[in-house]
Amino acid sequence: RHTEMAPLPSYDEVLVCTPDTDEEEVELLVRRALSPGSQDQKVYCLLGADKLVYKVSKQLESHFFRLVQSSSIPDYRFIIFCNAKAHNSYVITAFDAYKVTFPCCCKTEIQTYLKTHLKVPSGTAPVAQAFEEPYQQNVKFIFSEQAGMGK
């Protein structure tokens, strides 16, 4: 559902996948999504699941379908995000029947949503005040050519 008031996912709802993501991390997120008590409006997400190595991808498929069959939760919220151009990904092949093309929002809608949900409560985050934007956000991405240089 598209709504401007829906909150961003919390840390326990998202797993950002890399080739180093292991089976236990993936299984934990799948269990959270498909376990009783998971229906508290949380949306569990695997981001970049196409980057998982083959062995972990196979385990994701196995855990997911085993838990779906044994779960009594009819309306779980579990989303797997993959790069549409990653044609050699096992995850994309395994979950192809569930594939949905993500509707594209315009850049200004996304920026407005993020500005609304990433605001720092007034007087609580002096670090956020180091940035000179007129709006205060509690998330900033800083990139460096050299690893570990002040991030």
N, C-alpha and C. Protein backbone atom coordinates (compact mmCIF):
# COMPACT_ATOMS: atom_id res chain seq x y z
N ARG A 1 0.83 -1.18 0.00
CA ARG A 1 0.00 0.00 0.00
C ARG A 1 0.88 1.24 0.00
N HIS A 2 0.53 2.19 -0.84
CA HIS A 2 1.30 3.43 -0.91
C HIS A 2 0.66 4.45 0.02
N THR A 3 1.40 4.81 1.05
CA THR A 3 0.91 5.84 1.95
C THR A 3 2.09 6.63 2.48
N GLU A 4 1.93 7.92 2.56
CA GLU A 4 3.01 8.78 3.03
C GLU A 4 3.24 8.66 4.52
N MET A 5 2.27 8.11 5.24
CA MET A 5 2.41 8.01 6.69
C MET A 5 3.00 6.68 7.15
N ALA A 6 3.15 5.73 6.24
CA ALA A 6 3.72 4.44 6.61
C ALA A 6 5.17 4.65 7.06
N PRO A 7 5.57 4.00 8.15
CA PRO A 7 6.93 4.20 8.65
C PRO A 7 7.97 3.46 7.81
N LEU A 8 9.21 3.90 7.93
CA LEU A 8 10.31 3.17 7.32
C LEU A 8 10.50 1.86 8.08
N PRO A 9 11.05 0.85 7.44
CA PRO A 9 11.31 -0.40 8.17
C PRO A 9 12.35 -0.18 9.27
N SER A 10 12.26 -0.97 10.32
CA SER A 10 13.24 -0.88 11.41
C SER A 10 14.40 -1.83 11.12
N TYR A 11 15.44 -1.76 11.93
CA TYR A 11 16.65 -2.55 11.69
C TYR A 11 16.39 -4.06 11.65
N ASP A 12 15.41 -4.54 12.38
CA ASP A 12 15.15 -5.99 12.42
C ASP A 12 14.31 -6.47 11.24
N GLU A 13 13.85 -5.55 10.40
CA GLU A 13 13.01 -5.91 9.26
C GLU A 13 13.78 -5.99 7.95
N VAL A 14 15.04 -5.54 7.93
CA VAL A 14 15.77 -5.42 6.67
C VAL A 14 17.11 -6.16 6.77
N LEU A 15 17.42 -6.91 5.72
CA LEU A 15 18.74 -7.51 5.59
C LEU A 15 19.28 -7.09 4.24
N VAL A 16 20.39 -6.35 4.26
CA VAL A 16 21.06 -5.93 3.04
C VAL A 16 22.05 -7.03 2.68
N CYS A 17 21.82 -7.66 1.55
CA CYS A 17 22.60 -8.83 1.15
C CYS A 17 23.87 -8.44 0.40
N THR A 18 24.92 -9.21 0.66
CA THR A 18 26.18 -9.12 -0.06
C THR A 18 26.61 -10.56 -0.34
N PRO A 19 27.67 -10.75 -1.10
CA PRO A 19 28.17 -12.12 -1.29
C PRO A 19 28.62 -12.76 0.02
N ASP A 20 28.85 -11.96 1.06
CA ASP A 20 29.27 -12.49 2.36
C ASP A 20 28.11 -12.80 3.30
N THR A 21 26.89 -12.48 2.91
CA THR A 21 25.74 -12.77 3.76
C THR A 21 25.63 -14.27 3.94
N ASP A 22 25.47 -14.70 5.19
CA ASP A 22 25.44 -16.14 5.41
C ASP A 22 24.03 -16.67 5.61
N GLU A 23 23.94 -17.98 5.60
CA GLU A 23 22.66 -18.68 5.68
C GLU A 23 21.89 -18.31 6.95
N GLU A 24 22.58 -18.19 8.07
CA GLU A 24 21.91 -17.91 9.35
C GLU A 24 21.21 -16.56 9.33
N GLU A 25 21.84 -15.55 8.71
CA GLU A 25 21.23 -14.23 8.63
C GLU A 25 19.93 -14.28 7.83
N VAL A 26 19.99 -14.98 6.71
CA VAL A 26 18.82 -15.10 5.83
C VAL A 26 17.72 -15.89 6.53
N GLU A 27 18.08 -16.99 7.15
CA GLU A 27 17.09 -17.82 7.84
C GLU A 27 16.41 -17.04 8.96
N LEU A 28 17.17 -16.24 9.70
CA LEU A 28 16.60 -15.45 10.79
C LEU A 28 15.54 -14.49 10.28
N LEU A 29 15.82 -13.80 9.17
CA LEU A 29 14.84 -12.86 8.63
C LEU A 29 13.60 -13.59 8.13
N VAL A 30 13.78 -14.72 7.45
CA VAL A 30 12.64 -15.49 6.96
C VAL A 30 11.79 -15.97 8.13
N ARG A 31 12.44 -16.43 9.19
CA ARG A 31 11.70 -16.89 10.39
C ARG A 31 10.92 -15.73 11.02
N ARG A 32 11.54 -14.56 11.09
CA ARG A 32 10.82 -13.40 11.64
C ARG A 32 9.56 -13.11 10.83
N ALA A 33 9.70 -13.17 9.52
CA ALA A 33 8.57 -12.83 8.64
C ALA A 33 7.44 -13.85 8.71
N LEU A 34 7.78 -15.12 8.90
CA LEU A 34 6.78 -16.18 8.80
C LEU A 34 6.42 -16.82 10.13
N SER A 35 6.85 -16.23 11.23
CA SER A 35 6.54 -16.79 12.54
C SER A 35 5.29 -16.14 13.13
N PRO A 36 4.60 -16.87 14.00
CA PRO A 36 3.46 -16.26 14.69
C PRO A 36 3.93 -15.02 15.44
N GLY A 37 3.14 -13.98 15.38
CA GLY A 37 3.51 -12.72 16.02
C GLY A 37 4.16 -11.75 15.05
N SER A 38 4.36 -12.19 13.81
CA SER A 38 5.01 -11.31 12.84
C SER A 38 4.01 -10.37 12.15
N GLN A 39 2.76 -10.48 12.52
CA GLN A 39 1.74 -9.69 11.85
C GLN A 39 1.54 -8.33 12.50
N ASP A 40 2.57 -7.78 13.10
CA ASP A 40 2.44 -6.49 13.78
C ASP A 40 2.85 -5.34 12.86
N GLN A 41 2.38 -5.38 11.63
CA GLN A 41 2.58 -4.33 10.63
C GLN A 41 4.01 -4.21 10.14
N LYS A 42 4.87 -5.16 10.44
CA LYS A 42 6.24 -5.11 9.94
C LYS A 42 6.30 -5.68 8.53
N VAL A 43 7.22 -5.14 7.74
CA VAL A 43 7.44 -5.61 6.38
C VAL A 43 8.90 -6.05 6.30
N TYR A 44 9.13 -7.34 6.19
CA TYR A 44 10.48 -7.88 6.19
C TYR A 44 11.03 -7.86 4.76
N CYS A 45 12.27 -7.40 4.61
CA CYS A 45 12.86 -7.17 3.29
C CYS A 45 14.26 -7.74 3.18
N LEU A 46 14.50 -8.42 2.08
CA LEU A 46 15.86 -8.81 1.69
C LEU A 46 16.24 -7.87 0.55
N LEU A 47 17.21 -7.02 0.78
CA LEU A 47 17.65 -6.08 -0.26
C LEU A 47 18.87 -6.64 -0.96
N GLY A 48 18.85 -6.59 -2.28
CA GLY A 48 19.99 -7.07 -3.05
C GLY A 48 20.17 -8.57 -2.96
N ALA A 49 19.07 -9.30 -2.88
CA ALA A 49 19.14 -10.76 -2.72
C ALA A 49 19.82 -11.44 -3.90
N ASP A 50 19.89 -10.77 -5.04
CA ASP A 50 20.58 -11.34 -6.20
C ASP A 50 22.08 -11.47 -5.95
N LYS A 51 22.60 -10.83 -4.91
CA LYS A 51 24.04 -10.91 -4.59
C LYS A 51 24.39 -12.11 -3.72
N LEU A 52 23.38 -12.82 -3.24
CA LEU A 52 23.65 -13.99 -2.41
C LEU A 52 24.37 -15.06 -3.21
N VAL A 53 25.31 -15.74 -2.58
CA VAL A 53 25.99 -16.85 -3.27
C VAL A 53 24.99 -18.00 -3.44
N TYR A 54 25.32 -18.91 -4.35
CA TYR A 54 24.40 -19.99 -4.72
C TYR A 54 23.94 -20.81 -3.51
N LYS A 55 24.86 -21.19 -2.65
CA LYS A 55 24.51 -22.03 -1.50
C LYS A 55 23.50 -21.32 -0.58
N VAL A 56 23.72 -20.05 -0.32
CA VAL A 56 22.82 -19.29 0.55
C VAL A 56 21.48 -19.08 -0.16
N SER A 57 21.50 -18.86 -1.47
CA SER A 57 20.27 -18.71 -2.24
C SER A 57 19.41 -19.97 -2.17
N LYS A 58 20.05 -21.12 -2.29
CA LYS A 58 19.33 -22.39 -2.19
C LYS A 58 18.72 -22.56 -0.80
N GLN A 59 19.46 -22.16 0.24
CA GLN A 59 18.95 -22.27 1.60
C GLN A 59 17.79 -21.30 1.83
N LEU A 60 17.86 -20.09 1.24
CA LEU A 60 16.76 -19.14 1.32
C LEU A 60 15.50 -19.78 0.75
N GLU A 61 15.62 -20.35 -0.44
CA GLU A 61 14.48 -21.00 -1.07
C GLU A 61 13.93 -22.12 -0.19
N SER A 62 14.81 -22.94 0.32
CA SER A 62 14.40 -24.07 1.16
C SER A 62 13.69 -23.60 2.44
N HIS A 63 14.30 -22.67 3.16
CA HIS A 63 13.70 -22.16 4.40
C HIS A 63 12.35 -21.50 4.12
N PHE A 64 12.31 -20.68 3.08
CA PHE A 64 11.09 -19.95 2.78
C PHE A 64 9.92 -20.90 2.50
N PHE A 65 10.11 -21.83 1.56
CA PHE A 65 9.01 -22.70 1.17
C PHE A 65 8.64 -23.68 2.27
N ARG A 66 9.61 -24.12 3.05
CA ARG A 66 9.31 -25.00 4.19
C ARG A 66 8.47 -24.25 5.22
N LEU A 67 8.86 -23.01 5.52
CA LEU A 67 8.12 -22.23 6.53
C LEU A 67 6.74 -21.79 6.02
N VAL A 68 6.64 -21.50 4.73
CA VAL A 68 5.33 -21.13 4.18
C VAL A 68 4.36 -22.29 4.30
N GLN A 69 4.83 -23.49 4.02
CA GLN A 69 3.97 -24.68 4.11
C GLN A 69 3.57 -25.00 5.54
N SER A 70 4.46 -24.75 6.50
CA SER A 70 4.16 -25.09 7.89
C SER A 70 3.56 -23.93 8.67
N SER A 71 3.54 -22.75 8.08
CA SER A 71 3.05 -21.57 8.79
C SER A 71 1.53 -21.44 8.68
N SER A 72 0.95 -20.92 9.73
CA SER A 72 -0.49 -20.68 9.71
C SER A 72 -0.78 -19.20 9.44
N ILE A 73 0.24 -18.46 9.04
CA ILE A 73 0.08 -17.03 8.78
C ILE A 73 -0.26 -16.82 7.31
N PRO A 74 -1.49 -16.42 7.01
CA PRO A 74 -1.88 -16.28 5.61
C PRO A 74 -1.43 -14.97 4.96
N ASP A 75 -1.16 -13.96 5.77
CA ASP A 75 -0.86 -12.65 5.19
C ASP A 75 0.47 -12.08 5.70
N TYR A 76 1.52 -12.88 5.58
CA TYR A 76 2.84 -12.42 5.97
C TYR A 76 3.30 -11.32 5.01
N ARG A 77 4.30 -10.55 5.45
CA ARG A 77 4.85 -9.46 4.64
C ARG A 77 6.34 -9.69 4.48
N PHE A 78 6.71 -10.23 3.35
CA PHE A 78 8.10 -10.55 3.07
C PHE A 78 8.40 -10.17 1.63
N ILE A 79 9.37 -9.28 1.43
CA ILE A 79 9.70 -8.78 0.10
C ILE A 79 11.17 -9.07 -0.18
N ILE A 80 11.43 -9.59 -1.36
CA ILE A 80 12.78 -9.85 -1.81
C ILE A 80 13.07 -8.89 -2.96
N PHE A 81 14.02 -8.00 -2.75
CA PHE A 81 14.40 -7.04 -3.78
C PHE A 81 15.63 -7.56 -4.52
N CYS A 82 15.52 -7.58 -5.84
CA CYS A 82 16.64 -8.02 -6.69
C CYS A 82 16.80 -7.04 -7.84
N ASN A 83 18.00 -6.98 -8.35
CA ASN A 83 18.28 -6.20 -9.54
C ASN A 83 17.68 -6.94 -10.73
N ALA A 84 16.83 -6.29 -11.48
CA ALA A 84 16.16 -6.94 -12.61
C ALA A 84 17.15 -7.39 -13.68
N LYS A 85 18.34 -6.81 -13.69
CA LYS A 85 19.33 -7.17 -14.71
C LYS A 85 20.24 -8.31 -14.27
N ALA A 86 20.05 -8.82 -13.07
CA ALA A 86 20.88 -9.92 -12.56
C ALA A 86 20.28 -11.25 -12.99
N HIS A 87 20.39 -11.56 -14.25
CA HIS A 87 19.74 -12.75 -14.81
C HIS A 87 20.34 -14.07 -14.33
N ASN A 88 21.56 -14.04 -13.82
CA ASN A 88 22.19 -15.28 -13.39
C ASN A 88 21.97 -15.57 -11.90
N SER A 89 21.06 -14.86 -11.28
CA SER A 89 20.81 -15.03 -9.86
C SER A 89 19.86 -16.20 -9.62
N TYR A 90 20.24 -17.10 -8.71
CA TYR A 90 19.38 -18.22 -8.37
C TYR A 90 18.10 -17.73 -7.68
N VAL A 91 18.19 -16.69 -6.87
CA VAL A 91 17.02 -16.16 -6.17
C VAL A 91 15.95 -15.72 -7.16
N ILE A 92 16.37 -15.04 -8.21
CA ILE A 92 15.41 -14.58 -9.22
C ILE A 92 14.72 -15.76 -9.87
N THR A 93 15.46 -16.80 -10.18
CA THR A 93 14.88 -18.00 -10.78
C THR A 93 13.94 -18.72 -9.82
N ALA A 94 14.37 -18.89 -8.57
CA ALA A 94 13.59 -19.64 -7.58
C ALA A 94 12.26 -18.97 -7.24
N PHE A 95 12.24 -17.65 -7.25
CA PHE A 95 11.03 -16.92 -6.86
C PHE A 95 10.36 -16.24 -8.05
N ASP A 96 10.66 -16.70 -9.25
CA ASP A 96 10.13 -16.07 -10.47
C ASP A 96 8.61 -16.03 -10.50
N ALA A 97 7.96 -17.03 -9.97
CA ALA A 97 6.49 -17.07 -9.98
C ALA A 97 5.88 -15.94 -9.14
N TYR A 98 6.65 -15.39 -8.24
CA TYR A 98 6.15 -14.33 -7.35
C TYR A 98 6.62 -12.94 -7.77
N LYS A 99 7.29 -12.87 -8.90
CA LYS A 99 7.91 -11.61 -9.34
C LYS A 99 6.86 -10.54 -9.61
N VAL A 100 7.17 -9.34 -9.11
CA VAL A 100 6.33 -8.17 -9.34
C VAL A 100 7.27 -7.03 -9.71
N THR A 101 6.93 -6.30 -10.73
CA THR A 101 7.72 -5.14 -11.08
C THR A 101 7.34 -4.01 -10.15
N PHE A 102 8.34 -3.43 -9.53
CA PHE A 102 8.10 -2.38 -8.55
C PHE A 102 7.65 -1.11 -9.27
N PRO A 103 6.52 -0.54 -8.86
CA PRO A 103 6.06 0.68 -9.51
C PRO A 103 7.02 1.83 -9.21
N CYS A 104 7.37 2.55 -10.21
CA CYS A 104 8.35 3.62 -10.07
C CYS A 104 7.67 4.89 -9.55
N CYS A 105 8.20 5.41 -8.50
CA CYS A 105 7.73 6.69 -7.97
C CYS A 105 8.65 7.77 -8.51
N CYS A 106 8.12 8.96 -8.62
CA CYS A 106 8.98 10.03 -9.09
C CYS A 106 9.96 10.43 -7.99
N LYS A 107 11.07 11.00 -8.38
CA LYS A 107 12.14 11.35 -7.46
C LYS A 107 11.65 12.29 -6.35
N THR A 108 10.80 13.25 -6.70
CA THR A 108 10.34 14.21 -5.69
C THR A 108 9.44 13.54 -4.65
N GLU A 109 8.63 12.55 -5.06
CA GLU A 109 7.81 11.81 -4.09
C GLU A 109 8.68 11.07 -3.09
N ILE A 110 9.74 10.42 -3.59
CA ILE A 110 10.65 9.68 -2.72
C ILE A 110 11.36 10.64 -1.77
N GLN A 111 11.86 11.75 -2.30
CA GLN A 111 12.56 12.73 -1.46
C GLN A 111 11.64 13.30 -0.38
N THR A 112 10.40 13.60 -0.73
CA THR A 112 9.45 14.13 0.24
C THR A 112 9.17 13.10 1.32
N TYR A 113 8.98 11.85 0.93
CA TYR A 113 8.73 10.78 1.90
C TYR A 113 9.90 10.66 2.87
N LEU A 114 11.12 10.62 2.33
CA LEU A 114 12.30 10.47 3.18
C LEU A 114 12.50 11.67 4.09
N LYS A 115 12.25 12.86 3.60
CA LYS A 115 12.38 14.05 4.45
C LYS A 115 11.39 14.00 5.61
N THR A 116 10.20 13.47 5.34
CA THR A 116 9.19 13.36 6.38
C THR A 116 9.59 12.36 7.45
N HIS A 117 10.15 11.22 7.04
CA HIS A 117 10.43 10.13 7.97
C HIS A 117 11.83 10.11 8.54
N LEU A 118 12.72 10.93 8.03
CA LEU A 118 14.09 10.94 8.53
C LEU A 118 14.43 12.21 9.29
N LYS A 119 13.44 12.85 9.81
CA LYS A 119 13.68 14.08 10.58
C LYS A 119 14.18 13.75 11.97
N VAL A 120 15.08 14.59 12.45
CA VAL A 120 15.62 14.47 13.80
C VAL A 120 14.71 15.25 14.74
N PRO A 121 14.28 14.63 15.83
CA PRO A 121 13.49 15.39 16.79
C PRO A 121 14.29 16.59 17.29
N SER A 122 13.65 17.72 17.43
CA SER A 122 14.36 18.94 17.77
C SER A 122 15.14 18.80 19.08
N GLY A 123 16.39 19.25 19.03
CA GLY A 123 17.24 19.27 20.21
C GLY A 123 17.82 17.94 20.64
N THR A 124 17.72 16.89 19.81
CA THR A 124 18.19 15.59 20.26
C THR A 124 19.42 15.06 19.55
N ALA A 125 19.82 15.64 18.44
CA ALA A 125 20.94 15.07 17.69
C ALA A 125 21.90 16.15 17.21
N PRO A 126 22.84 16.56 18.05
CA PRO A 126 23.76 17.61 17.63
C PRO A 126 24.60 17.23 16.42
N VAL A 127 24.84 15.93 16.19
CA VAL A 127 25.63 15.53 15.03
C VAL A 127 24.90 15.90 13.74
N ALA A 128 23.58 15.74 13.70
CA ALA A 128 22.81 16.07 12.50
C ALA A 128 22.90 17.55 12.17
N GLN A 129 23.18 18.38 13.15
CA GLN A 129 23.25 19.82 12.92
C GLN A 129 24.53 20.22 12.19
N ALA A 130 25.46 19.28 12.02
CA ALA A 130 26.69 19.57 11.28
C ALA A 130 26.42 19.71 9.79
N PHE A 131 25.31 19.18 9.33
CA PHE A 131 24.95 19.30 7.93
C PHE A 131 24.16 20.58 7.75
N GLU A 132 24.39 21.22 6.62
CA GLU A 132 23.84 22.57 6.45
C GLU A 132 22.50 22.61 5.74
N GLU A 133 21.87 21.48 5.49
CA GLU A 133 20.58 21.51 4.84
C GLU A 133 19.55 22.18 5.75
N PRO A 134 18.51 22.78 5.17
CA PRO A 134 17.48 23.43 5.99
C PRO A 134 16.67 22.43 6.80
N TYR A 135 16.61 21.17 6.40
CA TYR A 135 15.89 20.15 7.16
C TYR A 135 16.92 19.27 7.83
N GLN A 136 16.61 18.81 9.01
CA GLN A 136 17.54 17.96 9.76
C GLN A 136 17.14 16.50 9.58
N GLN A 137 18.09 15.68 9.18
CA GLN A 137 17.82 14.26 9.00
C GLN A 137 18.74 13.46 9.90
N ASN A 138 18.28 12.28 10.30
CA ASN A 138 19.12 11.45 11.15
C ASN A 138 19.84 10.36 10.39
N VAL A 139 19.81 10.40 9.05
CA VAL A 139 20.54 9.45 8.24
C VAL A 139 21.26 10.21 7.14
N LYS A 140 22.55 9.97 7.01
CA LYS A 140 23.35 10.55 5.93
C LYS A 140 24.24 9.45 5.40
N PHE A 141 24.44 9.42 4.11
CA PHE A 141 25.37 8.49 3.50
C PHE A 141 26.60 9.27 3.10
N ILE A 142 27.75 8.81 3.55
CA ILE A 142 29.00 9.47 3.23
C ILE A 142 29.88 8.43 2.56
N PHE A 143 30.40 8.77 1.39
CA PHE A 143 31.22 7.84 0.64
C PHE A 143 32.64 8.35 0.60
N SER A 144 33.59 7.43 0.62
CA SER A 144 35.00 7.78 0.60
C SER A 144 35.72 6.82 -0.33
N GLU A 145 36.76 7.31 -0.96
CA GLU A 145 37.58 6.47 -1.82
C GLU A 145 38.43 5.52 -0.98
N GLN A 146 38.73 5.91 0.26
CA GLN A 146 39.55 5.09 1.13
C GLN A 146 38.71 4.54 2.28
N ALA A 147 38.82 3.26 2.52
CA ALA A 147 38.03 2.62 3.56
C ALA A 147 38.37 3.16 4.94
N GLY A 148 37.35 3.36 5.76
CA GLY A 148 37.55 3.74 7.15
C GLY A 148 38.04 5.15 7.37
N MET A 149 37.86 6.02 6.44
CA MET A 149 38.35 7.39 6.57
C MET A 149 37.25 8.30 7.16
N GLY A 150 37.02 8.17 8.44
CA GLY A 150 36.12 9.08 9.14
C GLY A 150 34.65 8.80 8.99
N LYS A 151 34.29 7.59 8.61
CA LYS A 151 32.87 7.29 8.44
C LYS A 151 32.34 6.64 9.70
